[in-house]
Amino acid sequence: MGSQVYAKYKQAAISSKKVAPVMDLIRGKLLEEAKVTLAFDKTKAAKMLLKVLRSVEASAVNNNNLSSEKLYVSEVWVGEGPTRKWGRFAGRGRYSRIMKRTSNIYIGLSEREQAKKPK
């Protein structure tokens, strides 16, 4: 097992529940395959994940001298970030709460000994 490189996107303006299904699409895939998968996904979460994936790729290649052909997505997870809370007045003298949720996105890349050939 090669060394691991991580990147994170803190306080991303999206709920962690919306990011989690997109993460399952790239978990365990080769780097190039994961980038293609995210590039053709139209969701906001896919754009954010692609941004983090490109960042961790640059970090792995430039800082750790790892080969980009052997890299794969070894770890990817999302955590709940801080929630902005405010509200507005509603009908009948009530107050309606508005909660804007954020998330913290983490991606880890590792180097495989043998790169898997696509079928």
PDB file of N, CA and C in Angstrom:
ATOM      1  N   MET A   1       0.850  -1.172   0.000  1.00  0.00           N
ATOM      2  CA  MET A   1       0.000   0.000   0.000  1.00  0.00           C
ATOM      3  C   MET A   1       0.894   1.233   0.000  1.00  0.00           C
ATOM      4  N   GLY A   2       0.591   2.188  -0.879  1.00  0.00           N
ATOM      5  CA  GLY A   2       1.383   3.402  -0.955  1.00  0.00           C
ATOM      6  C   GLY A   2       0.954   4.417   0.082  1.00  0.00           C
ATOM      7  N   SER A   3       1.556   5.579   0.007  1.00  0.00           N
ATOM      8  CA  SER A   3       1.215   6.612   0.970  1.00  0.00           C
ATOM      9  C   SER A   3      -0.127   7.242   0.616  1.00  0.00           C
ATOM     10  N   GLN A   4      -0.769   7.825   1.605  1.00  0.00           N
ATOM     11  CA  GLN A   4      -2.069   8.437   1.397  1.00  0.00           C
ATOM     12  C   GLN A   4      -1.957   9.951   1.426  1.00  0.00           C
ATOM     13  N   VAL A   5      -2.733  10.589   0.568  1.00  0.00           N
ATOM     14  CA  VAL A   5      -2.778  12.040   0.477  1.00  0.00           C
ATOM     15  C   VAL A   5      -4.237  12.454   0.638  1.00  0.00           C
ATOM     16  N   TYR A   6      -4.486  13.511   1.418  1.00  0.00           N
ATOM     17  CA  TYR A   6      -5.845  13.943   1.714  1.00  0.00           C
ATOM     18  C   TYR A   6      -6.053  15.393   1.302  1.00  0.00           C
ATOM     19  N   ALA A   7      -7.304  15.720   0.972  1.00  0.00           N
ATOM     20  CA  ALA A   7      -7.730  17.100   0.761  1.00  0.00           C
ATOM     21  C   ALA A   7      -9.120  17.239   1.363  1.00  0.00           C
ATOM     22  N   LYS A   8      -9.447  18.456   1.775  1.00  0.00           N
ATOM     23  CA  LYS A   8     -10.753  18.674   2.397  1.00  0.00           C
ATOM     24  C   LYS A   8     -11.365  19.976   1.906  1.00  0.00           C
ATOM     25  N   TYR A   9     -12.678  19.998   1.926  1.00  0.00           N
ATOM     26  CA  TYR A   9     -13.445  21.175   1.570  1.00  0.00           C
ATOM     27  C   TYR A   9     -14.336  21.450   2.776  1.00  0.00           C
ATOM     28  N   LYS A  10     -13.960  22.442   3.566  1.00  0.00           N
ATOM     29  CA  LYS A  10     -14.670  22.731   4.807  1.00  0.00           C
ATOM     30  C   LYS A  10     -15.777  23.747   4.527  1.00  0.00           C
ATOM     31  N   GLN A  11     -16.888  23.564   5.200  1.00  0.00           N
ATOM     32  CA  GLN A  11     -18.053  24.440   5.151  1.00  0.00           C
ATOM     33  C   GLN A  11     -18.587  24.619   3.725  1.00  0.00           C
ATOM     34  N   ALA A  12     -18.674  23.507   2.998  1.00  0.00           N
ATOM     35  CA  ALA A  12     -19.277  23.535   1.661  1.00  0.00           C
ATOM     36  C   ALA A  12     -20.764  23.813   1.814  1.00  0.00           C
ATOM     37  N   ALA A  13     -21.295  24.680   0.974  1.00  0.00           N
ATOM     38  CA  ALA A  13     -22.687  25.122   1.111  1.00  0.00           C
ATOM     39  C   ALA A  13     -23.650  24.106   0.515  1.00  0.00           C
ATOM     40  N   ILE A  14     -23.670  22.914   1.096  1.00  0.00           N
ATOM     41  CA  ILE A  14     -24.569  21.853   0.673  1.00  0.00           C
ATOM     42  C   ILE A  14     -24.746  20.899   1.842  1.00  0.00           C
ATOM     43  N   SER A  15     -25.896  20.286   1.933  1.00  0.00           N
ATOM     44  CA  SER A  15     -26.168  19.345   3.014  1.00  0.00           C
ATOM     45  C   SER A  15     -25.364  18.062   2.809  1.00  0.00           C
ATOM     46  N   SER A  16     -24.941  17.447   3.901  1.00  0.00           N
ATOM     47  CA  SER A  16     -24.157  16.217   3.793  1.00  0.00           C
ATOM     48  C   SER A  16     -24.990  15.066   3.242  1.00  0.00           C
ATOM     49  N   LYS A  17     -26.301  15.104   3.430  1.00  0.00           N
ATOM     50  CA  LYS A  17     -27.171  14.058   2.878  1.00  0.00           C
ATOM     51  C   LYS A  17     -27.217  14.106   1.359  1.00  0.00           C
ATOM     52  N   LYS A  18     -27.002  15.262   0.777  1.00  0.00           N
ATOM     53  CA  LYS A  18     -27.005  15.384  -0.678  1.00  0.00           C
ATOM     54  C   LYS A  18     -25.670  14.967  -1.287  1.00  0.00           C
ATOM     55  N   VAL A  19     -24.588  15.030  -0.512  1.00  0.00           N
ATOM     56  CA  VAL A  19     -23.266  14.683  -1.015  1.00  0.00           C
ATOM     57  C   VAL A  19     -23.018  13.175  -0.941  1.00  0.00           C
ATOM     58  N   ALA A  20     -23.560  12.516   0.061  1.00  0.00           N
ATOM     59  CA  ALA A  20     -23.261  11.106   0.320  1.00  0.00           C
ATOM     60  C   ALA A  20     -23.563  10.170  -0.853  1.00  0.00           C
ATOM     61  N   PRO A  21     -24.698  10.268  -1.549  1.00  0.00           N
ATOM     62  CA  PRO A  21     -24.930   9.350  -2.671  1.00  0.00           C
ATOM     63  C   PRO A  21     -23.940   9.523  -3.816  1.00  0.00           C
ATOM     64  N   VAL A  22     -23.457  10.740  -4.036  1.00  0.00           N
ATOM     65  CA  VAL A  22     -22.494  10.981  -5.113  1.00  0.00           C
ATOM     66  C   VAL A  22     -21.132  10.411  -4.734  1.00  0.00           C
ATOM     67  N   MET A  23     -20.814  10.439  -3.447  1.00  0.00           N
ATOM     68  CA  MET A  23     -19.547   9.869  -2.991  1.00  0.00           C
ATOM     69  C   MET A  23     -19.483   8.368  -3.248  1.00  0.00           C
ATOM     70  N   ASP A  24     -20.622   7.696  -3.126  1.00  0.00           N
ATOM     71  CA  ASP A  24     -20.647   6.260  -3.355  1.00  0.00           C
ATOM     72  C   ASP A  24     -20.298   5.909  -4.796  1.00  0.00           C
ATOM     73  N   LEU A  25     -20.487   6.847  -5.727  1.00  0.00           N
ATOM     74  CA  LEU A  25     -20.166   6.592  -7.126  1.00  0.00           C
ATOM     75  C   LEU A  25     -18.668   6.483  -7.374  1.00  0.00           C
ATOM     76  N   ILE A  26     -17.852   7.180  -6.569  1.00  0.00           N
ATOM     77  CA  ILE A  26     -16.411   7.226  -6.852  1.00  0.00           C
ATOM     78  C   ILE A  26     -15.561   6.442  -5.867  1.00  0.00           C
ATOM     79  N   ARG A  27     -16.145   5.943  -4.795  1.00  0.00           N
ATOM     80  CA  ARG A  27     -15.369   5.246  -3.761  1.00  0.00           C
ATOM     81  C   ARG A  27     -14.706   4.001  -4.344  1.00  0.00           C
ATOM     82  N   GLY A  28     -13.368   3.921  -4.217  1.00  0.00           N
ATOM     83  CA  GLY A  28     -12.616   2.755  -4.668  1.00  0.00           C
ATOM     84  C   GLY A  28     -12.210   2.776  -6.131  1.00  0.00           C
ATOM     85  N   LYS A  29     -12.602   3.792  -6.892  1.00  0.00           N
ATOM     86  CA  LYS A  29     -12.287   3.849  -8.317  1.00  0.00           C
ATOM     87  C   LYS A  29     -10.915   4.458  -8.561  1.00  0.00           C
ATOM     88  N   LEU A  30     -10.371   4.179  -9.745  1.00  0.00           N
ATOM     89  CA  LEU A  30      -9.137   4.843 -10.161  1.00  0.00           C
ATOM     90  C   LEU A  30      -9.398   6.337 -10.337  1.00  0.00           C
ATOM     91  N   LEU A  31      -8.350   7.135 -10.238  1.00  0.00           N
ATOM     92  CA  LEU A  31      -8.482   8.588 -10.258  1.00  0.00           C
ATOM     93  C   LEU A  31      -9.140   9.084 -11.540  1.00  0.00           C
ATOM     94  N   GLU A  32      -8.659   8.622 -12.699  1.00  0.00           N
ATOM     95  CA  GLU A  32      -9.205   9.088 -13.972  1.00  0.00           C
ATOM     96  C   GLU A  32     -10.666   8.676 -14.135  1.00  0.00           C
ATOM     97  N   GLU A  33     -10.988   7.471 -13.712  1.00  0.00           N
ATOM     98  CA  GLU A  33     -12.362   6.984 -13.797  1.00  0.00           C
ATOM     99  C   GLU A  33     -13.290   7.807 -12.902  1.00  0.00           C
ATOM    100  N   ALA A  34     -12.807   8.164 -11.717  1.00  0.00           N
ATOM    101  CA  ALA A  34     -13.604   8.975 -10.792  1.00  0.00           C
ATOM    102  C   ALA A  34     -13.816  10.383 -11.349  1.00  0.00           C
ATOM    103  N   LYS A  35     -12.791  10.957 -11.979  1.00  0.00           N
ATOM    104  CA  LYS A  35     -12.924  12.299 -12.548  1.00  0.00           C
ATOM    105  C   LYS A  35     -13.931  12.322 -13.692  1.00  0.00           C
ATOM    106  N   VAL A  36     -13.927  11.282 -14.512  1.00  0.00           N
ATOM    107  CA  VAL A  36     -14.889  11.207 -15.623  1.00  0.00           C
ATOM    108  C   VAL A  36     -16.310  11.049 -15.078  1.00  0.00           C
ATOM    109  N   THR A  37     -16.458  10.211 -14.058  1.00  0.00           N
ATOM    110  CA  THR A  37     -17.776   9.997 -13.454  1.00  0.00           C
ATOM    111  C   THR A  37     -18.342  11.303 -12.906  1.00  0.00           C
ATOM    112  N   LEU A  38     -17.518  12.059 -12.202  1.00  0.00           N
ATOM    113  CA  LEU A  38     -17.988  13.316 -11.616  1.00  0.00           C
ATOM    114  C   LEU A  38     -18.200  14.402 -12.669  1.00  0.00           C
ATOM    115  N   ALA A  39     -17.402  14.375 -13.735  1.00  0.00           N
ATOM    116  CA  ALA A  39     -17.535  15.392 -14.773  1.00  0.00           C
ATOM    117  C   ALA A  39     -18.866  15.288 -15.503  1.00  0.00           C
ATOM    118  N   PHE A  40     -19.395  14.067 -15.631  1.00  0.00           N
ATOM    119  CA  PHE A  40     -20.657  13.884 -16.340  1.00  0.00           C
ATOM    120  C   PHE A  40     -21.868  13.870 -15.420  1.00  0.00           C
ATOM    121  N   ASP A  41     -21.663  14.000 -14.123  1.00  0.00           N
ATOM    122  CA  ASP A  41     -22.769  14.103 -13.182  1.00  0.00           C
ATOM    123  C   ASP A  41     -23.177  15.571 -13.101  1.00  0.00           C
ATOM    124  N   LYS A  42     -24.478  15.847 -13.151  1.00  0.00           N
ATOM    125  CA  LYS A  42     -24.945  17.228 -13.229  1.00  0.00           C
ATOM    126  C   LYS A  42     -25.247  17.863 -11.878  1.00  0.00           C
ATOM    127  N   THR A  43     -25.024  17.154 -10.782  1.00  0.00           N
ATOM    128  CA  THR A  43     -25.406  17.677  -9.477  1.00  0.00           C
ATOM    129  C   THR A  43     -24.377  18.669  -8.938  1.00  0.00           C
ATOM    130  N   LYS A  44     -24.833  19.490  -8.012  1.00  0.00           N
ATOM    131  CA  LYS A  44     -23.945  20.447  -7.348  1.00  0.00           C
ATOM    132  C   LYS A  44     -22.892  19.716  -6.526  1.00  0.00           C
ATOM    133  N   ALA A  45     -23.285  18.601  -5.922  1.00  0.00           N
ATOM    134  CA  ALA A  45     -22.352  17.810  -5.119  1.00  0.00           C
ATOM    135  C   ALA A  45     -21.219  17.271  -5.971  1.00  0.00           C
ATOM    136  N   ALA A  46     -21.504  16.865  -7.198  1.00  0.00           N
ATOM    137  CA  ALA A  46     -20.469  16.332  -8.087  1.00  0.00           C
ATOM    138  C   ALA A  46     -19.450  17.412  -8.438  1.00  0.00           C
ATOM    139  N   LYS A  47     -19.909  18.640  -8.635  1.00  0.00           N
ATOM    140  CA  LYS A  47     -18.977  19.734  -8.933  1.00  0.00           C
ATOM    141  C   LYS A  47     -18.053  19.997  -7.757  1.00  0.00           C
ATOM    142  N   MET A  48     -18.603  19.949  -6.549  1.00  0.00           N
ATOM    143  CA  MET A  48     -17.785  20.173  -5.360  1.00  0.00           C
ATOM    144  C   MET A  48     -16.786  19.045  -5.154  1.00  0.00           C
ATOM    145  N   LEU A  49     -17.223  17.814  -5.357  1.00  0.00           N
ATOM    146  CA  LEU A  49     -16.324  16.664  -5.202  1.00  0.00           C
ATOM    147  C   LEU A  49     -15.221  16.685  -6.252  1.00  0.00           C
ATOM    148  N   LEU A  50     -15.550  17.089  -7.471  1.00  0.00           N
ATOM    149  CA  LEU A  50     -14.541  17.169  -8.522  1.00  0.00           C
ATOM    150  C   LEU A  50     -13.484  18.211  -8.175  1.00  0.00           C
ATOM    151  N   LYS A  51     -13.906  19.308  -7.578  1.00  0.00           N
ATOM    152  CA  LYS A  51     -12.972  20.349  -7.143  1.00  0.00           C
ATOM    153  C   LYS A  51     -11.990  19.803  -6.107  1.00  0.00           C
ATOM    154  N   VAL A  52     -12.502  19.041  -5.139  1.00  0.00           N
ATOM    155  CA  VAL A  52     -11.648  18.473  -4.105  1.00  0.00           C
ATOM    156  C   VAL A  52     -10.752  17.384  -4.692  1.00  0.00           C
ATOM    157  N   LEU A  53     -11.290  16.599  -5.617  1.00  0.00           N
ATOM    158  CA  LEU A  53     -10.522  15.523  -6.239  1.00  0.00           C
ATOM    159  C   LEU A  53      -9.347  16.065  -7.039  1.00  0.00           C
ATOM    160  N   ARG A  54      -9.573  17.164  -7.759  1.00  0.00           N
ATOM    161  CA  ARG A  54      -8.470  17.788  -8.509  1.00  0.00           C
ATOM    162  C   ARG A  54      -7.426  18.366  -7.561  1.00  0.00           C
ATOM    163  N   SER A  55      -7.869  18.887  -6.434  1.00  0.00           N
ATOM    164  CA  SER A  55      -6.945  19.441  -5.449  1.00  0.00           C
ATOM    165  C   SER A  55      -6.055  18.357  -4.846  1.00  0.00           C
ATOM    166  N   VAL A  56      -6.656  17.234  -4.481  1.00  0.00           N
ATOM    167  CA  VAL A  56      -5.872  16.156  -3.873  1.00  0.00           C
ATOM    168  C   VAL A  56      -4.967  15.510  -4.912  1.00  0.00           C
ATOM    169  N   GLU A  57      -5.371  15.495  -6.176  1.00  0.00           N
ATOM    170  CA  GLU A  57      -4.508  14.966  -7.232  1.00  0.00           C
ATOM    171  C   GLU A  57      -3.268  15.841  -7.399  1.00  0.00           C
ATOM    172  N   ALA A  58      -3.463  17.152  -7.417  1.00  0.00           N
ATOM    173  CA  ALA A  58      -2.332  18.076  -7.548  1.00  0.00           C
ATOM    174  C   ALA A  58      -1.389  17.948  -6.360  1.00  0.00           C
ATOM    175  N   SER A  59      -1.951  17.772  -5.180  1.00  0.00           N
ATOM    176  CA  SER A  59      -1.139  17.613  -3.983  1.00  0.00           C
ATOM    177  C   SER A  59      -0.322  16.319  -4.037  1.00  0.00           C
ATOM    178  N   ALA A  60      -0.939  15.255  -4.515  1.00  0.00           N
ATOM    179  CA  ALA A  60      -0.254  13.963  -4.577  1.00  0.00           C
ATOM    180  C   ALA A  60       0.860  13.978  -5.613  1.00  0.00           C
ATOM    181  N   VAL A  61       0.599  14.586  -6.764  1.00  0.00           N
ATOM    182  CA  VAL A  61       1.589  14.577  -7.843  1.00  0.00           C
ATOM    183  C   VAL A  61       2.724  15.552  -7.560  1.00  0.00           C
ATOM    184  N   ASN A  62       2.392  16.771  -7.112  1.00  0.00           N
ATOM    185  CA  ASN A  62       3.417  17.804  -6.948  1.00  0.00           C
ATOM    186  C   ASN A  62       4.173  17.705  -5.628  1.00  0.00           C
ATOM    187  N   ASN A  63       3.475  17.414  -4.531  1.00  0.00           N
ATOM    188  CA  ASN A  63       4.136  17.424  -3.224  1.00  0.00           C
ATOM    189  C   ASN A  63       4.707  16.068  -2.834  1.00  0.00           C
ATOM    190  N   ASN A  64       4.034  14.979  -3.224  1.00  0.00           N
ATOM    191  CA  ASN A  64       4.458  13.649  -2.783  1.00  0.00           C
ATOM    192  C   ASN A  64       5.077  12.819  -3.886  1.00  0.00           C
ATOM    193  N   ASN A  65       5.193  13.366  -5.096  1.00  0.00           N
ATOM    194  CA  ASN A  65       5.810  12.688  -6.240  1.00  0.00           C
ATOM    195  C   ASN A  65       5.196  11.320  -6.515  1.00  0.00           C
ATOM    196  N   LEU A  66       3.865  11.239  -6.483  1.00  0.00           N
ATOM    197  CA  LEU A  66       3.169   9.997  -6.791  1.00  0.00           C
ATOM    198  C   LEU A  66       2.732  10.009  -8.249  1.00  0.00           C
ATOM    199  N   SER A  67       2.639   8.828  -8.836  1.00  0.00           N
ATOM    200  CA  SER A  67       2.218   8.690 -10.229  1.00  0.00           C
ATOM    201  C   SER A  67       0.698   8.771 -10.308  1.00  0.00           C
ATOM    202  N   SER A  68       0.175   9.623 -11.182  1.00  0.00           N
ATOM    203  CA  SER A  68      -1.276   9.805 -11.259  1.00  0.00           C
ATOM    204  C   SER A  68      -1.976   8.602 -11.885  1.00  0.00           C
ATOM    205  N   GLU A  69      -1.266   7.760 -12.637  1.00  0.00           N
ATOM    206  CA  GLU A  69      -1.886   6.579 -13.242  1.00  0.00           C
ATOM    207  C   GLU A  69      -2.196   5.512 -12.196  1.00  0.00           C
ATOM    208  N   LYS A  70      -1.440   5.474 -11.104  1.00  0.00           N
ATOM    209  CA  LYS A  70      -1.630   4.447 -10.083  1.00  0.00           C
ATOM    210  C   LYS A  70      -2.540   4.892  -8.939  1.00  0.00           C
ATOM    211  N   LEU A  71      -2.972   6.156  -8.937  1.00  0.00           N
ATOM    212  CA  LEU A  71      -3.779   6.672  -7.827  1.00  0.00           C
ATOM    213  C   LEU A  71      -5.224   6.203  -7.922  1.00  0.00           C
ATOM    214  N   TYR A  72      -5.807   5.916  -6.761  1.00  0.00           N
ATOM    215  CA  TYR A  72      -7.218   5.584  -6.682  1.00  0.00           C
ATOM    216  C   TYR A  72      -7.815   6.228  -5.440  1.00  0.00           C
ATOM    217  N   VAL A  73      -9.126   6.349  -5.424  1.00  0.00           N
ATOM    218  CA  VAL A  73      -9.838   6.986  -4.313  1.00  0.00           C
ATOM    219  C   VAL A  73      -9.961   5.951  -3.197  1.00  0.00           C
ATOM    220  N   SER A  74      -9.093   6.056  -2.204  1.00  0.00           N
ATOM    221  CA  SER A  74      -9.098   5.075  -1.122  1.00  0.00           C
ATOM    222  C   SER A  74     -10.111   5.420  -0.047  1.00  0.00           C
ATOM    223  N   GLU A  75     -10.270   6.701   0.239  1.00  0.00           N
ATOM    224  CA  GLU A  75     -11.212   7.128   1.270  1.00  0.00           C
ATOM    225  C   GLU A  75     -11.965   8.359   0.793  1.00  0.00           C
ATOM    226  N   VAL A  76     -13.238   8.394   1.091  1.00  0.00           N
ATOM    227  CA  VAL A  76     -14.047   9.572   0.819  1.00  0.00           C
ATOM    228  C   VAL A  76     -15.181   9.576   1.841  1.00  0.00           C
ATOM    229  N   TRP A  77     -15.313  10.686   2.540  1.00  0.00           N
ATOM    230  CA  TRP A  77     -16.385  10.786   3.533  1.00  0.00           C
ATOM    231  C   TRP A  77     -16.801  12.239   3.691  1.00  0.00           C
ATOM    232  N   VAL A  78     -17.983  12.406   4.274  1.00  0.00           N
ATOM    233  CA  VAL A  78     -18.528  13.739   4.477  1.00  0.00           C
ATOM    234  C   VAL A  78     -18.994  13.842   5.919  1.00  0.00           C
ATOM    235  N   GLY A  79     -18.782  15.002   6.495  1.00  0.00           N
ATOM    236  CA  GLY A  79     -19.248  15.272   7.845  1.00  0.00           C
ATOM    237  C   GLY A  79     -20.118  16.518   7.846  1.00  0.00           C
ATOM    238  N   GLU A  80     -20.919  16.641   8.869  1.00  0.00           N
ATOM    239  CA  GLU A  80     -21.801  17.790   8.968  1.00  0.00           C
ATOM    240  C   GLU A  80     -21.014  18.999   9.445  1.00  0.00           C
ATOM    241  N   GLY A  81     -21.164  20.116   8.760  1.00  0.00           N
ATOM    242  CA  GLY A  81     -20.502  21.352   9.146  1.00  0.00           C
ATOM    243  C   GLY A  81     -21.429  22.218   9.974  1.00  0.00           C
ATOM    244  N   PRO A  82     -21.022  23.444  10.238  1.00  0.00           N
ATOM    245  CA  PRO A  82     -21.880  24.343  11.016  1.00  0.00           C
ATOM    246  C   PRO A  82     -23.136  24.718  10.243  1.00  0.00           C
ATOM    247  N   THR A  83     -24.219  24.919  10.968  1.00  0.00           N
ATOM    248  CA  THR A  83     -25.505  25.260  10.376  1.00  0.00           C
ATOM    249  C   THR A  83     -25.830  26.718  10.670  1.00  0.00           C
ATOM    250  N   ARG A  84     -26.148  27.481   9.615  1.00  0.00           N
ATOM    251  CA  ARG A  84     -26.577  28.868   9.799  1.00  0.00           C
ATOM    252  C   ARG A  84     -28.076  28.850  10.082  1.00  0.00           C
ATOM    253  N   LYS A  85     -28.478  29.480  11.173  1.00  0.00           N
ATOM    254  CA  LYS A  85     -29.879  29.449  11.579  1.00  0.00           C
ATOM    255  C   LYS A  85     -30.422  30.871  11.642  1.00  0.00           C
ATOM    256  N   TRP A  86     -31.555  31.059  11.027  1.00  0.00           N
ATOM    257  CA  TRP A  86     -32.296  32.282  11.172  1.00  0.00           C
ATOM    258  C   TRP A  86     -33.743  31.972  10.833  1.00  0.00           C
ATOM    259  N   GLY A  87     -34.577  32.953  10.742  1.00  0.00           N
ATOM    260  CA  GLY A  87     -35.980  32.682  10.471  1.00  0.00           C
ATOM    261  C   GLY A  87     -36.684  33.881   9.903  1.00  0.00           C
ATOM    262  N   ARG A  88     -37.960  33.673   9.620  1.00  0.00           N
ATOM    263  CA  ARG A  88     -38.793  34.760   9.134  1.00  0.00           C
ATOM    264  C   ARG A  88     -40.185  34.598   9.740  1.00  0.00           C
ATOM    265  N   PHE A  89     -40.864  35.686   9.779  1.00  0.00           N
ATOM    266  CA  PHE A  89     -42.207  35.648  10.343  1.00  0.00           C
ATOM    267  C   PHE A  89     -43.161  35.004   9.354  1.00  0.00           C
ATOM    268  N   ALA A  90     -44.037  34.166   9.883  1.00  0.00           N
ATOM    269  CA  ALA A  90     -45.012  33.456   9.062  1.00  0.00           C
ATOM    270  C   ALA A  90     -46.420  33.919   9.445  1.00  0.00           C
ATOM    271  N   GLY A  91     -47.387  33.350   8.826  1.00  0.00           N
ATOM    272  CA  GLY A  91     -48.771  33.731   9.082  1.00  0.00           C
ATOM    273  C   GLY A  91     -49.231  33.324  10.471  1.00  0.00           C
ATOM    274  N   ARG A  92     -50.293  33.963  10.939  1.00  0.00           N
ATOM    275  CA  ARG A  92     -50.922  33.690  12.220  1.00  0.00           C
ATOM    276  C   ARG A  92     -49.983  33.913  13.407  1.00  0.00           C
ATOM    277  N   GLY A  93     -49.083  34.858  13.283  1.00  0.00           N
ATOM    278  CA  GLY A  93     -48.210  35.218  14.396  1.00  0.00           C
ATOM    279  C   GLY A  93     -47.124  34.206  14.700  1.00  0.00           C
ATOM    280  N   ARG A  94     -46.843  33.337  13.760  1.00  0.00           N
ATOM    281  CA  ARG A  94     -45.800  32.330  13.992  1.00  0.00           C
ATOM    282  C   ARG A  94     -44.469  32.791  13.428  1.00  0.00           C
ATOM    283  N   TYR A  95     -43.416  32.027  13.787  1.00  0.00           N
ATOM    284  CA  TYR A  95     -42.061  32.301  13.343  1.00  0.00           C
ATOM    285  C   TYR A  95     -41.541  31.036  12.686  1.00  0.00           C
ATOM    286  N   SER A  96     -41.078  31.134  11.450  1.00  0.00           N
ATOM    287  CA  SER A  96     -40.620  29.973  10.696  1.00  0.00           C
ATOM    288  C   SER A  96     -39.090  29.917  10.705  1.00  0.00           C
ATOM    289  N   ARG A  97     -38.545  28.813  11.140  1.00  0.00           N
ATOM    290  CA  ARG A  97     -37.098  28.636  11.258  1.00  0.00           C
ATOM    291  C   ARG A  97     -36.497  28.237   9.910  1.00  0.00           C
ATOM    292  N   ILE A  98     -35.385  28.866   9.534  1.00  0.00           N
ATOM    293  CA  ILE A  98     -34.655  28.519   8.316  1.00  0.00           C
ATOM    294  C   ILE A  98     -33.268  28.065   8.740  1.00  0.00           C
ATOM    295  N   MET A  99     -32.873  26.874   8.299  1.00  0.00           N
ATOM    296  CA  MET A  99     -31.558  26.320   8.656  1.00  0.00           C
ATOM    297  C   MET A  99     -30.792  25.993   7.379  1.00  0.00           C
ATOM    298  N   LYS A 100     -29.681  26.685   7.158  1.00  0.00           N
ATOM    299  CA  LYS A 100     -28.823  26.431   6.008  1.00  0.00           C
ATOM    300  C   LYS A 100     -27.696  25.521   6.464  1.00  0.00           C
ATOM    301  N   ARG A 101     -27.707  24.289   5.992  1.00  0.00           N
ATOM    302  CA  ARG A 101     -26.722  23.304   6.436  1.00  0.00           C
ATOM    303  C   ARG A 101     -25.482  23.345   5.558  1.00  0.00           C
ATOM    304  N   THR A 102     -24.329  23.075   6.169  1.00  0.00           N
ATOM    305  CA  THR A 102     -23.070  22.972   5.442  1.00  0.00           C
ATOM    306  C   THR A 102     -22.461  21.606   5.720  1.00  0.00           C
ATOM    307  N   SER A 103     -21.426  21.269   4.965  1.00  0.00           N
ATOM    308  CA  SER A 103     -20.781  19.971   5.153  1.00  0.00           C
ATOM    309  C   SER A 103     -19.279  20.113   4.960  1.00  0.00           C
ATOM    310  N   ASN A 104     -18.546  19.177   5.523  1.00  0.00           N
ATOM    311  CA  ASN A 104     -17.103  19.088   5.365  1.00  0.00           C
ATOM    312  C   ASN A 104     -16.821  17.834   4.546  1.00  0.00           C
ATOM    313  N   ILE A 105     -16.168  18.007   3.389  1.00  0.00           N
ATOM    314  CA  ILE A 105     -15.915  16.911   2.457  1.00  0.00           C
ATOM    315  C   ILE A 105     -14.437  16.555   2.522  1.00  0.00           C
ATOM    316  N   TYR A 106     -14.141  15.248   2.652  1.00  0.00           N
ATOM    317  CA  TYR A 106     -12.763  14.755   2.724  1.00  0.00           C
ATOM    318  C   TYR A 106     -12.548  13.675   1.671  1.00  0.00           C
ATOM    319  N   ILE A 107     -11.421  13.754   0.949  1.00  0.00           N
ATOM    320  CA  ILE A 107     -11.068  12.733  -0.037  1.00  0.00           C
ATOM    321  C   ILE A 107      -9.619  12.328   0.194  1.00  0.00           C
ATOM    322  N   GLY A 108      -9.372  11.019   0.200  1.00  0.00           N
ATOM    323  CA  GLY A 108      -8.021  10.475   0.342  1.00  0.00           C
ATOM    324  C   GLY A 108      -7.656   9.631  -0.853  1.00  0.00           C
ATOM    325  N   LEU A 109      -6.469   9.850  -1.395  1.00  0.00           N
ATOM    326  CA  LEU A 109      -5.954   9.055  -2.512  1.00  0.00           C
ATOM    327  C   LEU A 109      -4.798   8.194  -2.043  1.00  0.00           C
ATOM    328  N   SER A 110      -4.716   6.993  -2.588  1.00  0.00           N
ATOM    329  CA  SER A 110      -3.593   6.094  -2.328  1.00  0.00           C
ATOM    330  C   SER A 110      -3.050   5.604  -3.656  1.00  0.00           C
ATOM    331  N   GLU A 111      -1.853   5.071  -3.612  1.00  0.00           N
ATOM    332  CA  GLU A 111      -1.223   4.549  -4.818  1.00  0.00           C
ATOM    333  C   GLU A 111      -1.349   3.036  -4.824  1.00  0.00           C
ATOM    334  N   ARG A 112      -1.867   2.486  -5.906  1.00  0.00           N
ATOM    335  CA  ARG A 112      -1.986   1.038  -6.085  1.00  0.00           C
ATOM    336  C   ARG A 112      -0.707   0.491  -6.673  1.00  0.00           C
ATOM    337  N   GLU A 113      -0.368  -0.714  -6.281  1.00  0.00           N
ATOM    338  CA  GLU A 113       0.827  -1.362  -6.832  1.00  0.00           C
ATOM    339  C   GLU A 113       0.600  -1.689  -8.309  1.00  0.00           C
ATOM    340  N   GLN A 114      -0.537  -2.338  -8.604  1.00  0.00           N
ATOM    341  CA  GLN A 114      -0.890  -2.664  -9.986  1.00  0.00           C
ATOM    342  C   GLN A 114      -2.139  -1.892 -10.342  1.00  0.00           C
ATOM    343  N   ALA A 115      -2.083  -1.071 -11.377  1.00  0.00           N
ATOM    344  CA  ALA A 115      -3.264  -0.338 -11.811  1.00  0.00           C
ATOM    345  C   ALA A 115      -4.197  -1.318 -12.518  1.00  0.00           C
ATOM    346  N   LYS A 116      -5.481  -1.315 -12.141  1.00  0.00           N
ATOM    347  CA  LYS A 116      -6.448  -2.217 -12.762  1.00  0.00           C
ATOM    348  C   LYS A 116      -6.767  -1.728 -14.172  1.00  0.00           C
ATOM    349  N   LYS A 117      -6.825  -2.664 -15.090  1.00  0.00           N
ATOM    350  CA  LYS A 117      -7.180  -2.331 -16.471  1.00  0.00           C
ATOM    351  C   LYS A 117      -8.696  -2.269 -16.594  1.00  0.00           C
ATOM    352  N   PRO A 118      -9.230  -1.243 -17.275  1.00  0.00           N
ATOM    353  CA  PRO A 118     -10.672  -1.200 -17.462  1.00  0.00           C
ATOM    354  C   PRO A 118     -11.132  -2.322 -18.393  1.00  0.00           C
ATOM    355  N   LYS A 119     -12.324  -2.873 -18.098  1.00  0.00           N
ATOM    356  CA  LYS A 119     -12.817  -4.007 -18.899  1.00  0.00           C
ATOM    357  C   LYS A 119     -13.512  -3.543 -20.146  1.00  0.00           C
TER     358      LYS A 119
END
